[in-house]
Amino acid sequence: MLGSVAALKLVRTIEPLKLASAALILLTLPLGLLVFELPKLGVIAVLVASSFFGPLINAPMLGVITTRSPEALRVKVMTAVLTVALLAGPVGLLAAGPLLEELGPHAVFGIVAGGQLVAAVAFAAIALRYAGGRAGPPEVVEA
């Protein structure tokens, strides 16, 4: 909930792509601590710290996706975005089960944190290229 309140305030002062990029990296960084044997309160603290940044990613990115999608395609774009997002959870759980059995939780958290950090840095690099004065990627001109 605190992340949602912060998102309401910050989205007015920070460009959405910059906010989402920074929040995505900050969401990912605490997860690397889960590779260590932490006490229960330590795990909770890591998850709370990481979860704070979720709304700081989702709110600005959904706003950008919604407003930058051509009006004629907006419903299809939003349906596709939500479908992919909602399918990713069950697919991740299907992969996590066998990995947890084979490697154990600390190694799986390391894989998840490392993969997410690589994806977050790639997202930030691409998103920041389009932040600022540009409204988004080059427009497609139909012939």
Protein backbone atom coordinates (compact mmCIF):
# COMPACT_ATOMS: atom_id res chain seq x y z
CA MET A 1 0.00 0.00 0.00
CA LEU A 2 2.84 2.39 0.74
CA GLY A 3 4.20 1.90 -2.76
CA SER A 4 0.81 2.81 -4.21
CA VAL A 5 0.67 6.02 -2.18
CA ALA A 6 4.22 6.86 -3.23
CA ALA A 7 3.32 6.16 -6.88
CA LEU A 8 0.47 8.69 -6.71
CA LYS A 9 2.88 11.37 -5.52
CA LEU A 10 5.94 10.50 -7.62
CA VAL A 11 4.21 9.98 -10.95
CA ARG A 12 3.38 13.70 -10.94
CA THR A 13 7.01 14.78 -10.57
CA ILE A 14 9.08 12.06 -12.29
CA GLU A 15 8.72 11.00 -15.91
CA PRO A 16 6.92 7.63 -16.02
CA LEU A 17 9.64 5.73 -17.86
CA LYS A 18 12.34 7.03 -15.53
CA LEU A 19 10.27 6.19 -12.47
CA ALA A 20 9.44 2.69 -13.71
CA SER A 21 13.06 2.03 -14.70
CA ALA A 22 14.47 3.05 -11.33
CA ALA A 23 11.73 1.22 -9.43
CA LEU A 24 12.28 -1.98 -11.42
CA ILE A 25 15.96 -2.03 -10.53
CA LEU A 26 15.22 -1.15 -6.89
CA LEU A 27 12.57 -3.88 -6.72
CA THR A 28 15.14 -6.40 -7.93
CA LEU A 29 18.14 -5.52 -5.75
CA PRO A 30 16.81 -6.78 -2.38
CA LEU A 31 15.91 -10.15 -3.91
CA GLY A 32 19.59 -11.01 -4.19
CA LEU A 33 19.69 -11.26 -0.39
CA LEU A 34 17.41 -14.31 -0.56
CA VAL A 35 20.34 -16.46 -1.66
CA PHE A 36 21.54 -16.29 1.96
CA GLU A 37 20.12 -18.10 4.96
CA LEU A 38 18.10 -15.29 6.55
CA PRO A 39 15.91 -15.37 9.63
CA LYS A 40 12.17 -15.15 8.99
CA LEU A 41 12.12 -11.43 9.75
CA GLY A 42 14.97 -10.93 7.29
CA VAL A 43 13.02 -12.67 4.52
CA ILE A 44 9.96 -10.59 5.36
CA ALA A 45 12.03 -7.39 5.30
CA VAL A 46 13.48 -8.28 1.88
CA LEU A 47 10.02 -9.02 0.45
CA VAL A 48 8.51 -5.85 1.94
CA ALA A 49 11.38 -3.72 0.60
CA SER A 50 11.10 -5.29 -2.84
CA SER A 51 7.30 -5.16 -2.95
CA PHE A 52 7.25 -1.45 -2.16
CA PHE A 53 8.51 -0.74 -5.69
CA GLY A 54 5.89 -2.81 -7.59
CA PRO A 55 3.30 -0.02 -7.80
CA LEU A 56 6.06 2.40 -8.83
CA ILE A 57 6.52 0.23 -11.91
CA ASN A 58 2.96 -0.78 -12.69
CA ALA A 59 1.21 2.58 -12.38
CA PRO A 60 3.49 4.57 -14.69
CA MET A 61 3.98 1.73 -17.19
CA LEU A 62 0.27 1.00 -17.56
CA GLY A 63 -0.28 4.73 -18.02
CA VAL A 64 2.40 4.91 -20.71
CA ILE A 65 1.12 1.81 -22.49
CA THR A 66 -2.45 3.07 -22.37
CA THR A 67 -1.77 6.62 -23.52
CA ARG A 68 0.79 5.76 -26.20
CA SER A 69 -1.26 3.02 -27.81
CA PRO A 70 -3.24 4.22 -30.82
CA GLU A 71 -6.87 4.59 -29.80
CA ALA A 72 -8.01 2.05 -32.40
CA LEU A 73 -5.64 -0.58 -30.94
CA ARG A 74 -5.83 0.34 -27.26
CA VAL A 75 -8.26 -2.42 -26.24
CA LYS A 76 -6.19 -5.08 -28.03
CA VAL A 77 -2.92 -3.75 -26.61
CA MET A 78 -4.22 -3.69 -23.03
CA THR A 79 -5.76 -7.16 -23.44
CA ALA A 80 -2.44 -8.51 -24.73
CA VAL A 81 -0.45 -6.86 -21.92
CA LEU A 82 -2.74 -8.23 -19.22
CA THR A 83 -2.88 -11.69 -20.82
CA VAL A 84 0.91 -11.98 -20.94
CA ALA A 85 1.25 -10.64 -17.39
CA LEU A 86 -1.37 -13.02 -16.00
CA LEU A 87 0.05 -16.05 -17.85
CA ALA A 88 3.58 -15.39 -16.63
CA GLY A 89 2.67 -16.25 -13.03
CA PRO A 90 1.47 -19.82 -13.64
CA VAL A 91 4.30 -20.48 -16.11
CA GLY A 92 6.80 -19.29 -13.50
CA LEU A 93 5.25 -21.54 -10.88
CA LEU A 94 5.44 -24.54 -13.21
CA ALA A 95 9.14 -23.90 -13.74
CA ALA A 96 9.86 -23.11 -10.08
CA GLY A 97 8.59 -26.42 -8.67
CA PRO A 98 11.11 -28.70 -10.39
CA LEU A 99 13.90 -26.14 -9.90
CA LEU A 100 13.18 -25.94 -6.17
CA GLU A 101 13.34 -29.72 -5.89
CA GLU A 102 16.56 -29.95 -7.88
CA LEU A 103 18.50 -26.88 -6.70
CA GLY A 104 16.89 -25.74 -3.45
CA PRO A 105 15.35 -22.36 -2.60
CA HIS A 106 18.52 -20.28 -2.25
CA ALA A 107 19.83 -21.23 -5.70
CA VAL A 108 16.40 -20.61 -7.26
CA PHE A 109 16.20 -17.19 -5.62
CA GLY A 110 19.67 -16.47 -7.01
CA ILE A 111 18.55 -17.44 -10.51
CA VAL A 112 15.39 -15.35 -10.20
CA ALA A 113 17.21 -12.32 -8.79
CA GLY A 114 19.98 -12.53 -11.40
CA GLY A 115 17.57 -12.97 -14.29
CA GLN A 116 15.34 -10.19 -13.08
CA LEU A 117 18.29 -7.84 -12.63
CA VAL A 118 19.47 -8.49 -16.20
CA ALA A 119 15.93 -7.87 -17.49
CA ALA A 120 15.56 -4.75 -15.34
CA VAL A 121 18.80 -3.22 -16.60
CA ALA A 122 17.85 -4.04 -20.21
CA PHE A 123 14.40 -2.51 -19.70
CA ALA A 124 15.89 0.61 -18.12
CA ALA A 125 18.40 1.04 -20.92
CA ILE A 126 15.70 0.83 -23.59
CA ALA A 127 13.06 2.82 -21.68
CA LEU A 128 15.43 5.65 -20.81
CA ARG A 129 16.30 5.99 -24.47
CA TYR A 130 12.66 7.02 -25.03
CA ALA A 131 12.25 9.08 -21.86
CA GLY A 132 12.59 12.81 -21.91
CA GLY A 133 11.69 14.87 -24.94
CA ARG A 134 10.58 11.97 -27.10
CA ALA A 135 7.04 10.71 -26.76
CA GLY A 136 7.96 7.15 -27.63
CA PRO A 137 9.39 4.94 -30.31
CA PRO A 138 9.25 6.21 -33.87
CA GLU A 139 5.76 6.24 -35.29
CA VAL A 140 4.83 3.66 -37.89
CA VAL A 141 3.56 5.37 -41.00
CA GLU A 142 1.09 3.40 -43.04
CA ALA A 143 1.38 3.71 -46.80
